Amino acid sequence: QVQLVESGGGLVQAGGSLRLSCAASVRIFSINAVGWYRQAPGKQRELVATITNIGITNYADSVKGRFTISRDNAENTLYLQMNSLKPEDTAVYYCNARNYRAGLSLDDWGQGTQVTVSS
């Protein structure tokens, strides 16, 4: 099991920037894929961005060109740089670690960090 601790959320005006961090309890490069998901009130949790252990990234269409996912293997930390924030980006952001074992995907989640974008 991977412990994940997020930080960096907060309140920001539309057009502003925030950087989220997620500290992992294991060597982050050993995890098959890590990423960020978000959940707004009354909505399902949705993918924001992921990065695999070989550096392949994937972004939701709604954040392409504005958000950048990266990781620091030495610090075992995952980041999400969020620029040009919009009110619709308001949500709780969760860090995810996914490993594949015997054909199954095993997910670990952080506790979440609130991001609020005011108009």
N, C-alpha and C. Protein backbone atom coordinates (compact mmCIF):
# COMPACT_ATOMS: atom_id res chain seq x y z
N GLN A 1 0.85 -1.19 0.00
CA GLN A 1 0.00 0.00 0.00
C GLN A 1 0.88 1.24 0.00
N VAL A 2 0.45 2.24 -0.76
CA VAL A 2 1.20 3.48 -0.89
C VAL A 2 0.47 4.58 -0.13
N GLN A 3 1.19 5.24 0.76
CA GLN A 3 0.60 6.42 1.42
C GLN A 3 0.93 7.66 0.60
N LEU A 4 -0.10 8.49 0.44
CA LEU A 4 0.03 9.70 -0.38
C LEU A 4 -0.48 10.88 0.42
N VAL A 5 0.28 11.95 0.44
CA VAL A 5 -0.11 13.15 1.18
C VAL A 5 -0.03 14.36 0.25
N GLU A 6 -1.20 14.95 0.00
CA GLU A 6 -1.27 16.12 -0.88
C GLU A 6 -1.11 17.41 -0.10
N SER A 7 -0.68 18.43 -0.80
CA SER A 7 -0.61 19.78 -0.24
C SER A 7 -0.65 20.78 -1.40
N GLY A 8 -0.88 22.04 -1.05
CA GLY A 8 -0.81 23.09 -2.05
C GLY A 8 -2.13 23.65 -2.51
N GLY A 9 -3.24 23.10 -2.04
CA GLY A 9 -4.53 23.65 -2.44
C GLY A 9 -4.77 25.00 -1.79
N GLY A 10 -5.87 25.63 -2.19
CA GLY A 10 -6.21 26.92 -1.62
C GLY A 10 -7.21 27.67 -2.46
N LEU A 11 -7.34 28.94 -2.13
CA LEU A 11 -8.27 29.84 -2.83
C LEU A 11 -7.48 30.75 -3.76
N VAL A 12 -7.90 30.83 -5.00
CA VAL A 12 -7.22 31.66 -5.98
C VAL A 12 -8.24 32.29 -6.91
N GLN A 13 -7.92 33.45 -7.42
CA GLN A 13 -8.81 34.10 -8.38
C GLN A 13 -8.67 33.47 -9.76
N ALA A 14 -9.71 33.60 -10.54
CA ALA A 14 -9.67 33.11 -11.92
C ALA A 14 -8.49 33.73 -12.65
N GLY A 15 -7.79 32.89 -13.41
CA GLY A 15 -6.61 33.34 -14.11
C GLY A 15 -5.32 33.11 -13.35
N GLY A 16 -5.45 32.78 -12.08
CA GLY A 16 -4.28 32.56 -11.24
C GLY A 16 -3.71 31.17 -11.38
N SER A 17 -2.71 30.88 -10.54
CA SER A 17 -1.99 29.62 -10.60
C SER A 17 -1.87 29.01 -9.21
N LEU A 18 -1.77 27.69 -9.19
CA LEU A 18 -1.48 26.94 -7.97
C LEU A 18 -0.62 25.75 -8.37
N ARG A 19 0.18 25.28 -7.43
CA ARG A 19 0.91 24.04 -7.64
C ARG A 19 0.59 23.08 -6.50
N LEU A 20 0.08 21.92 -6.89
CA LEU A 20 -0.21 20.86 -5.93
C LEU A 20 0.98 19.92 -5.84
N SER A 21 1.18 19.40 -4.64
CA SER A 21 2.24 18.42 -4.41
C SER A 21 1.64 17.17 -3.78
N CYS A 22 2.26 16.04 -4.05
CA CYS A 22 1.83 14.78 -3.47
C CYS A 22 3.07 13.98 -3.11
N ALA A 23 3.29 13.79 -1.82
CA ALA A 23 4.44 13.04 -1.34
C ALA A 23 4.05 11.58 -1.19
N ALA A 24 4.85 10.71 -1.79
CA ALA A 24 4.59 9.27 -1.74
C ALA A 24 5.49 8.60 -0.72
N SER A 25 4.99 7.52 -0.13
CA SER A 25 5.74 6.80 0.90
C SER A 25 6.71 5.78 0.32
N VAL A 26 6.65 5.60 -1.00
CA VAL A 26 7.56 4.66 -1.67
C VAL A 26 8.26 5.40 -2.80
N ARG A 27 9.24 4.71 -3.41
CA ARG A 27 9.90 5.32 -4.55
C ARG A 27 8.89 5.50 -5.67
N ILE A 28 8.67 6.74 -6.05
CA ILE A 28 7.57 7.05 -6.96
C ILE A 28 7.80 6.41 -8.33
N PHE A 29 9.06 6.23 -8.75
CA PHE A 29 9.29 5.64 -10.06
C PHE A 29 8.95 4.16 -10.09
N SER A 30 8.75 3.55 -8.91
CA SER A 30 8.37 2.14 -8.85
C SER A 30 6.87 1.93 -9.03
N ILE A 31 6.10 3.00 -9.01
CA ILE A 31 4.65 2.92 -9.16
C ILE A 31 4.34 2.93 -10.66
N ASN A 32 3.45 2.07 -11.10
CA ASN A 32 3.14 1.98 -12.53
C ASN A 32 2.65 3.31 -13.10
N ALA A 33 1.76 3.95 -12.37
CA ALA A 33 1.26 5.24 -12.82
C ALA A 33 0.80 6.05 -11.61
N VAL A 34 1.05 7.33 -11.66
CA VAL A 34 0.56 8.25 -10.63
C VAL A 34 -0.18 9.37 -11.31
N GLY A 35 -1.09 9.98 -10.58
CA GLY A 35 -1.85 11.02 -11.23
C GLY A 35 -2.72 11.82 -10.29
N TRP A 36 -3.45 12.71 -10.88
CA TRP A 36 -4.37 13.59 -10.16
C TRP A 36 -5.78 13.40 -10.69
N TYR A 37 -6.70 13.34 -9.76
CA TYR A 37 -8.12 13.29 -10.07
C TYR A 37 -8.78 14.40 -9.27
N ARG A 38 -10.00 14.75 -9.66
CA ARG A 38 -10.72 15.77 -8.91
C ARG A 38 -12.18 15.43 -8.83
N GLN A 39 -12.82 15.97 -7.79
CA GLN A 39 -14.25 15.75 -7.60
C GLN A 39 -14.88 17.04 -7.13
N ALA A 40 -15.79 17.54 -7.95
CA ALA A 40 -16.55 18.73 -7.60
C ALA A 40 -17.83 18.31 -6.89
N PRO A 41 -18.44 19.19 -6.12
CA PRO A 41 -19.68 18.84 -5.41
C PRO A 41 -20.75 18.35 -6.37
N GLY A 42 -21.33 17.23 -6.03
CA GLY A 42 -22.41 16.68 -6.85
C GLY A 42 -21.98 16.00 -8.13
N LYS A 43 -20.66 15.87 -8.32
CA LYS A 43 -20.16 15.26 -9.55
C LYS A 43 -19.28 14.05 -9.21
N GLN A 44 -19.07 13.23 -10.23
CA GLN A 44 -18.20 12.07 -10.05
C GLN A 44 -16.74 12.50 -10.10
N ARG A 45 -15.91 11.67 -9.48
CA ARG A 45 -14.48 11.92 -9.55
C ARG A 45 -14.03 11.74 -11.00
N GLU A 46 -13.16 12.65 -11.46
CA GLU A 46 -12.71 12.58 -12.84
C GLU A 46 -11.19 12.71 -12.92
N LEU A 47 -10.66 12.12 -13.98
CA LEU A 47 -9.23 12.20 -14.21
C LEU A 47 -8.83 13.61 -14.60
N VAL A 48 -7.71 14.07 -14.05
CA VAL A 48 -7.14 15.35 -14.45
C VAL A 48 -5.89 15.10 -15.29
N ALA A 49 -4.94 14.35 -14.73
CA ALA A 49 -3.70 14.07 -15.44
C ALA A 49 -3.02 12.88 -14.79
N THR A 50 -2.33 12.10 -15.62
CA THR A 50 -1.56 10.97 -15.11
C THR A 50 -0.20 10.94 -15.78
N ILE A 51 0.73 10.26 -15.12
CA ILE A 51 2.05 10.04 -15.69
C ILE A 51 2.50 8.63 -15.32
N THR A 52 3.00 7.89 -16.30
CA THR A 52 3.41 6.52 -16.04
C THR A 52 4.86 6.49 -15.55
N ASN A 53 5.30 5.28 -15.19
CA ASN A 53 6.66 5.15 -14.69
C ASN A 53 7.71 5.36 -15.78
N ILE A 54 7.28 5.39 -17.04
CA ILE A 54 8.23 5.70 -18.12
C ILE A 54 7.98 7.09 -18.68
N GLY A 55 7.17 7.87 -17.97
CA GLY A 55 7.04 9.28 -18.32
C GLY A 55 5.96 9.64 -19.32
N ILE A 56 5.09 8.71 -19.63
CA ILE A 56 4.01 9.02 -20.56
C ILE A 56 2.91 9.76 -19.80
N THR A 57 2.51 10.90 -20.32
CA THR A 57 1.50 11.71 -19.66
C THR A 57 0.17 11.66 -20.40
N ASN A 58 -0.87 11.90 -19.66
CA ASN A 58 -2.22 11.95 -20.21
C ASN A 58 -2.99 13.03 -19.47
N TYR A 59 -3.72 13.84 -20.22
CA TYR A 59 -4.47 14.95 -19.62
C TYR A 59 -5.93 14.91 -20.05
N ALA A 60 -6.79 15.36 -19.16
CA ALA A 60 -8.17 15.59 -19.54
C ALA A 60 -8.20 16.75 -20.54
N ASP A 61 -9.12 16.69 -21.48
CA ASP A 61 -9.21 17.75 -22.49
C ASP A 61 -9.42 19.11 -21.85
N SER A 62 -10.13 19.14 -20.74
CA SER A 62 -10.47 20.40 -20.11
C SER A 62 -9.28 21.12 -19.49
N VAL A 63 -8.16 20.41 -19.29
CA VAL A 63 -7.00 21.04 -18.65
C VAL A 63 -5.78 21.11 -19.58
N LYS A 64 -5.87 20.52 -20.75
CA LYS A 64 -4.73 20.54 -21.67
C LYS A 64 -4.31 21.97 -21.98
N GLY A 65 -3.00 22.18 -21.92
CA GLY A 65 -2.47 23.51 -22.19
C GLY A 65 -2.45 24.43 -20.98
N ARG A 66 -3.12 24.01 -19.91
CA ARG A 66 -3.15 24.85 -18.69
C ARG A 66 -2.47 24.16 -17.50
N PHE A 67 -2.60 22.85 -17.42
CA PHE A 67 -2.04 22.09 -16.31
C PHE A 67 -0.85 21.26 -16.80
N THR A 68 0.12 21.07 -15.91
CA THR A 68 1.28 20.24 -16.22
C THR A 68 1.56 19.31 -15.06
N ILE A 69 1.62 18.02 -15.36
CA ILE A 69 1.96 17.03 -14.34
C ILE A 69 3.44 16.71 -14.45
N SER A 70 4.07 16.54 -13.29
CA SER A 70 5.48 16.18 -13.28
C SER A 70 5.78 15.44 -11.99
N ARG A 71 6.96 14.84 -11.94
CA ARG A 71 7.34 14.14 -10.72
C ARG A 71 8.82 14.33 -10.49
N ASP A 72 9.18 14.28 -9.23
CA ASP A 72 10.58 14.36 -8.81
C ASP A 72 10.92 13.02 -8.18
N ASN A 73 11.65 12.20 -8.91
CA ASN A 73 11.95 10.85 -8.42
C ASN A 73 12.83 10.88 -7.17
N ALA A 74 13.70 11.86 -7.08
CA ALA A 74 14.58 11.93 -5.92
C ALA A 74 13.81 12.27 -4.65
N GLU A 75 12.76 13.08 -4.81
CA GLU A 75 11.95 13.49 -3.65
C GLU A 75 10.69 12.65 -3.49
N ASN A 76 10.48 11.70 -4.42
CA ASN A 76 9.26 10.86 -4.38
C ASN A 76 8.01 11.71 -4.30
N THR A 77 7.97 12.74 -5.12
CA THR A 77 6.87 13.69 -5.08
C THR A 77 6.30 13.91 -6.48
N LEU A 78 5.00 13.98 -6.52
CA LEU A 78 4.26 14.26 -7.74
C LEU A 78 3.74 15.70 -7.66
N TYR A 79 3.74 16.39 -8.79
CA TYR A 79 3.28 17.77 -8.82
C TYR A 79 2.19 17.95 -9.88
N LEU A 80 1.39 18.97 -9.65
CA LEU A 80 0.45 19.42 -10.67
C LEU A 80 0.51 20.94 -10.70
N GLN A 81 1.10 21.49 -11.74
CA GLN A 81 1.14 22.93 -11.93
C GLN A 81 -0.13 23.33 -12.66
N MET A 82 -0.90 24.21 -12.05
CA MET A 82 -2.18 24.62 -12.62
C MET A 82 -2.12 26.11 -12.92
N ASN A 83 -2.22 26.45 -14.18
CA ASN A 83 -2.21 27.84 -14.63
C ASN A 83 -3.55 28.20 -15.27
N SER A 84 -3.79 29.49 -15.40
CA SER A 84 -5.02 29.99 -16.03
C SER A 84 -6.25 29.30 -15.43
N LEU A 85 -6.31 29.27 -14.13
CA LEU A 85 -7.39 28.56 -13.44
C LEU A 85 -8.74 29.21 -13.72
N LYS A 86 -9.75 28.36 -13.78
CA LYS A 86 -11.12 28.78 -14.04
C LYS A 86 -12.01 28.36 -12.87
N PRO A 87 -13.13 29.03 -12.68
CA PRO A 87 -14.04 28.62 -11.60
C PRO A 87 -14.45 27.15 -11.70
N GLU A 88 -14.55 26.64 -12.91
CA GLU A 88 -14.94 25.24 -13.08
C GLU A 88 -13.84 24.26 -12.69
N ASP A 89 -12.67 24.76 -12.34
CA ASP A 89 -11.61 23.89 -11.82
C ASP A 89 -11.78 23.66 -10.32
N THR A 90 -12.72 24.35 -9.71
CA THR A 90 -12.98 24.18 -8.28
C THR A 90 -13.39 22.75 -7.97
N ALA A 91 -12.66 22.13 -7.04
CA ALA A 91 -12.90 20.73 -6.70
C ALA A 91 -11.93 20.31 -5.59
N VAL A 92 -12.17 19.12 -5.07
CA VAL A 92 -11.17 18.47 -4.23
C VAL A 92 -10.28 17.66 -5.16
N TYR A 93 -8.99 17.88 -5.06
CA TYR A 93 -8.02 17.19 -5.92
C TYR A 93 -7.36 16.06 -5.14
N TYR A 94 -7.36 14.89 -5.75
CA TYR A 94 -6.83 13.69 -5.11
C TYR A 94 -5.63 13.17 -5.88
N CYS A 95 -4.63 12.76 -5.15
CA CYS A 95 -3.47 12.10 -5.72
C CYS A 95 -3.75 10.60 -5.77
N ASN A 96 -3.33 9.97 -6.84
CA ASN A 96 -3.59 8.54 -7.04
C ASN A 96 -2.31 7.80 -7.41
N ALA A 97 -2.16 6.61 -6.87
CA ALA A 97 -1.08 5.70 -7.26
C ALA A 97 -1.72 4.41 -7.74
N ARG A 98 -1.37 3.99 -8.93
CA ARG A 98 -1.97 2.78 -9.50
C ARG A 98 -0.88 1.78 -9.87
N ASN A 99 -1.05 0.57 -9.37
CA ASN A 99 -0.17 -0.53 -9.72
C ASN A 99 -0.98 -1.67 -10.30
N TYR A 100 -0.34 -2.43 -11.15
CA TYR A 100 -1.00 -3.56 -11.80
C TYR A 100 -0.37 -4.86 -11.30
N ARG A 101 -1.23 -5.74 -10.81
CA ARG A 101 -0.78 -7.02 -10.28
C ARG A 101 -1.74 -8.10 -10.76
N ALA A 102 -1.18 -9.08 -11.44
CA ALA A 102 -1.99 -10.23 -11.88
C ALA A 102 -3.25 -9.78 -12.62
N GLY A 103 -3.08 -8.79 -13.48
CA GLY A 103 -4.21 -8.34 -14.28
C GLY A 103 -5.18 -7.42 -13.58
N LEU A 104 -4.89 -7.09 -12.34
CA LEU A 104 -5.78 -6.19 -11.60
C LEU A 104 -5.09 -4.86 -11.37
N SER A 105 -5.88 -3.79 -11.34
CA SER A 105 -5.33 -2.48 -11.00
C SER A 105 -5.60 -2.21 -9.52
N LEU A 106 -4.57 -1.80 -8.82
CA LEU A 106 -4.65 -1.52 -7.39
C LEU A 106 -4.43 -0.04 -7.17
N ASP A 107 -5.42 0.63 -6.60
CA ASP A 107 -5.38 2.07 -6.42
C ASP A 107 -5.18 2.45 -4.96
N ASP A 108 -4.33 3.45 -4.75
CA ASP A 108 -4.20 4.11 -3.46
C ASP A 108 -4.47 5.60 -3.67
N TRP A 109 -5.11 6.20 -2.67
CA TRP A 109 -5.53 7.59 -2.78
C TRP A 109 -5.02 8.42 -1.61
N GLY A 110 -4.75 9.68 -1.88
CA GLY A 110 -4.50 10.63 -0.82
C GLY A 110 -5.80 11.11 -0.23
N GLN A 111 -5.68 12.00 0.76
CA GLN A 111 -6.86 12.48 1.47
C GLN A 111 -7.56 13.60 0.73
N GLY A 112 -6.90 14.18 -0.25
CA GLY A 112 -7.49 15.26 -1.04
C GLY A 112 -7.11 16.63 -0.55
N THR A 113 -7.07 17.57 -1.47
CA THR A 113 -6.80 18.96 -1.13
C THR A 113 -7.77 19.85 -1.91
N GLN A 114 -8.35 20.82 -1.22
CA GLN A 114 -9.39 21.66 -1.83
C GLN A 114 -8.75 22.75 -2.68
N VAL A 115 -9.26 22.90 -3.88
CA VAL A 115 -8.91 24.01 -4.76
C VAL A 115 -10.18 24.79 -5.06
N THR A 116 -10.16 26.07 -4.76
CA THR A 116 -11.32 26.92 -5.01
C THR A 116 -10.89 28.10 -5.87
N VAL A 117 -11.55 28.25 -7.00
CA VAL A 117 -11.23 29.34 -7.93
C VAL A 117 -12.41 30.29 -7.96
N SER A 118 -12.16 31.53 -7.57
CA SER A 118 -13.23 32.53 -7.54
C SER A 118 -13.27 33.31 -8.84
N SER A 119 -14.46 33.73 -9.21
CA SER A 119 -14.62 34.46 -10.48
C SER A 119 -14.46 35.95 -10.28
